[in-house]
Amino acid sequence: MEDKIVAYVDKTIVKITGIQVQGIKPIELEKAVAAKIGCPVRVIGVTSTSLKMDVYGLDPESILRDEQGLLQTISLIPGLTASDVTQIATAEKAKEISAEELAKRTRTCCPKENWVGL
């Protein structure tokens, strides 16, 4: 499974694929994702079967590991646990979309309308 960035974009929670996450610095990650997709984004967390990164300065509740100690989910929002991010990432209502598709979508007056039909 590839990395999925769970984010709030255009008034919608989405799971963005196609972006490799090399480290967790929320502001830098948001800037990189926003530059890639061409609009503002608020990163909620990152999920994968195995995240390869060092994690410093996060509460234990913000990190979810498997039995082998591999990172699977990291929450980047204060007060939101890694388990919460996992639930959001597995929810059917959270649309999964590649970064390329997200960057190519047409822009409308109402950002929420960007997701109609997806």
Protein backbone atom coordinates (compact mmCIF):
# COMPACT_ATOMS: atom_id res chain seq x y z
CA MET A 1 0.00 0.00 0.00
CA GLU A 2 1.29 3.42 -0.85
CA ASP A 3 1.26 6.42 1.43
CA LYS A 4 -2.07 8.21 1.72
CA ILE A 5 -2.25 11.77 2.93
CA VAL A 6 -5.57 12.36 4.66
CA ALA A 7 -6.36 16.02 4.11
CA TYR A 8 -9.08 18.65 4.06
CA VAL A 9 -9.25 20.16 0.56
CA ASP A 10 -12.04 22.27 -0.94
CA LYS A 11 -14.38 21.66 2.02
CA THR A 12 -13.95 17.88 1.60
CA ILE A 13 -11.88 15.22 3.34
CA VAL A 14 -9.84 13.25 0.81
CA LYS A 15 -7.14 10.58 0.75
CA ILE A 16 -4.39 11.80 -1.58
CA THR A 17 -2.15 9.19 -3.21
CA GLY A 18 0.90 9.60 -5.41
CA ILE A 19 3.00 11.71 -3.04
CA GLN A 20 5.89 10.08 -1.18
CA VAL A 21 6.13 11.24 2.41
CA GLN A 22 9.75 11.45 3.51
CA GLY A 23 9.34 13.21 6.85
CA ILE A 24 6.76 14.69 9.10
CA LYS A 25 6.93 18.44 9.42
CA PRO A 26 3.27 19.44 9.06
CA ILE A 27 3.84 22.92 7.60
CA GLU A 28 6.36 21.65 5.04
CA LEU A 29 4.12 18.70 4.13
CA GLU A 30 1.14 21.03 3.62
CA LYS A 31 3.24 23.35 1.45
CA ALA A 32 4.47 20.43 -0.68
CA VAL A 33 0.97 19.00 -1.13
CA ALA A 34 -0.53 22.44 -1.88
CA ALA A 35 2.18 23.11 -4.49
CA LYS A 36 1.55 19.71 -6.11
CA ILE A 37 -2.25 20.01 -6.30
CA GLY A 38 -2.50 23.77 -6.80
CA CYS A 39 -4.78 24.75 -3.92
CA PRO A 40 -4.69 25.21 -0.13
CA VAL A 41 -4.77 22.03 1.95
CA ARG A 42 -4.92 21.12 5.65
CA VAL A 43 -3.17 17.80 6.29
CA ILE A 44 -4.93 15.71 8.92
CA GLY A 45 -2.56 12.76 8.91
CA VAL A 46 -0.65 10.17 6.91
CA THR A 47 -1.38 6.45 6.64
CA SER A 48 0.33 3.47 4.99
CA THR A 49 1.28 -0.12 5.72
CA SER A 50 4.80 1.08 6.51
CA LEU A 51 5.85 4.70 6.84
CA LYS A 52 9.61 5.14 6.61
CA MET A 53 10.44 8.19 8.69
CA ASP A 54 11.66 9.40 12.03
CA VAL A 55 9.02 10.84 14.30
CA TYR A 56 9.97 13.32 17.00
CA GLY A 57 7.90 15.55 19.24
CA LEU A 58 4.56 13.80 18.73
CA ASP A 59 2.36 12.40 21.49
CA PRO A 60 2.21 8.59 21.66
CA GLU A 61 -1.52 8.79 20.78
CA SER A 62 -0.58 10.49 17.50
CA ILE A 63 1.34 7.44 16.28
CA LEU A 64 -0.04 4.00 15.41
CA ARG A 65 2.40 1.10 14.96
CA ASP A 66 1.81 -2.52 13.95
CA GLU A 67 3.06 -5.61 15.83
CA GLN A 68 6.53 -5.29 14.25
CA GLY A 69 6.81 -1.65 15.32
CA LEU A 70 6.32 -0.26 11.79
CA LEU A 71 4.59 3.11 11.60
CA GLN A 72 1.16 2.86 9.98
CA THR A 73 -0.64 6.09 10.85
CA ILE A 74 0.43 9.48 12.12
CA SER A 75 -1.94 12.24 13.20
CA LEU A 76 -0.79 15.80 12.55
CA ILE A 77 -3.75 17.59 14.18
CA PRO A 78 -3.54 18.28 17.93
CA GLY A 79 -6.32 16.44 19.76
CA LEU A 80 -6.87 13.91 16.94
CA THR A 81 -5.38 10.47 17.63
CA ALA A 82 -3.81 8.14 15.09
CA SER A 83 -6.81 5.83 15.56
CA ASP A 84 -9.09 8.71 14.55
CA VAL A 85 -7.03 9.26 11.38
CA THR A 86 -7.25 5.53 10.59
CA GLN A 87 -11.05 5.67 10.90
CA ILE A 88 -11.20 8.69 8.59
CA ALA A 89 -8.86 7.00 6.07
CA THR A 90 -11.01 3.87 5.93
CA ALA A 91 -14.32 5.73 5.67
CA GLU A 92 -16.04 5.34 2.32
CA LYS A 93 -17.05 9.01 2.28
CA ALA A 94 -13.40 10.08 2.25
CA LYS A 95 -12.66 10.08 -1.49
CA GLU A 96 -9.35 8.60 -2.65
CA ILE A 97 -7.75 10.59 -5.44
CA SER A 98 -4.26 10.82 -6.90
CA ALA A 99 -2.32 14.05 -6.64
CA GLU A 100 -2.26 14.26 -10.47
CA GLU A 101 -6.07 13.99 -10.74
CA LEU A 102 -6.46 16.55 -7.99
CA ALA A 103 -4.18 19.00 -9.77
CA LYS A 104 -6.04 18.59 -13.10
CA ARG A 105 -9.59 19.03 -11.81
CA THR A 106 -11.59 21.99 -13.04
CA ARG A 107 -12.08 24.87 -10.64
CA THR A 108 -15.59 26.10 -9.90
CA CYS A 109 -16.93 29.04 -7.93
CA CYS A 110 -17.87 26.78 -5.01
CA PRO A 111 -14.98 24.50 -3.96
CA LYS A 112 -17.40 21.80 -2.76
CA GLU A 113 -18.71 21.46 -6.35
CA ASN A 114 -15.26 20.21 -7.44
CA TRP A 115 -16.16 16.84 -5.90
CA VAL A 116 -19.57 16.32 -7.49
CA GLY A 117 -19.42 13.22 -9.64
CA LEU A 118 -16.20 11.78 -8.18
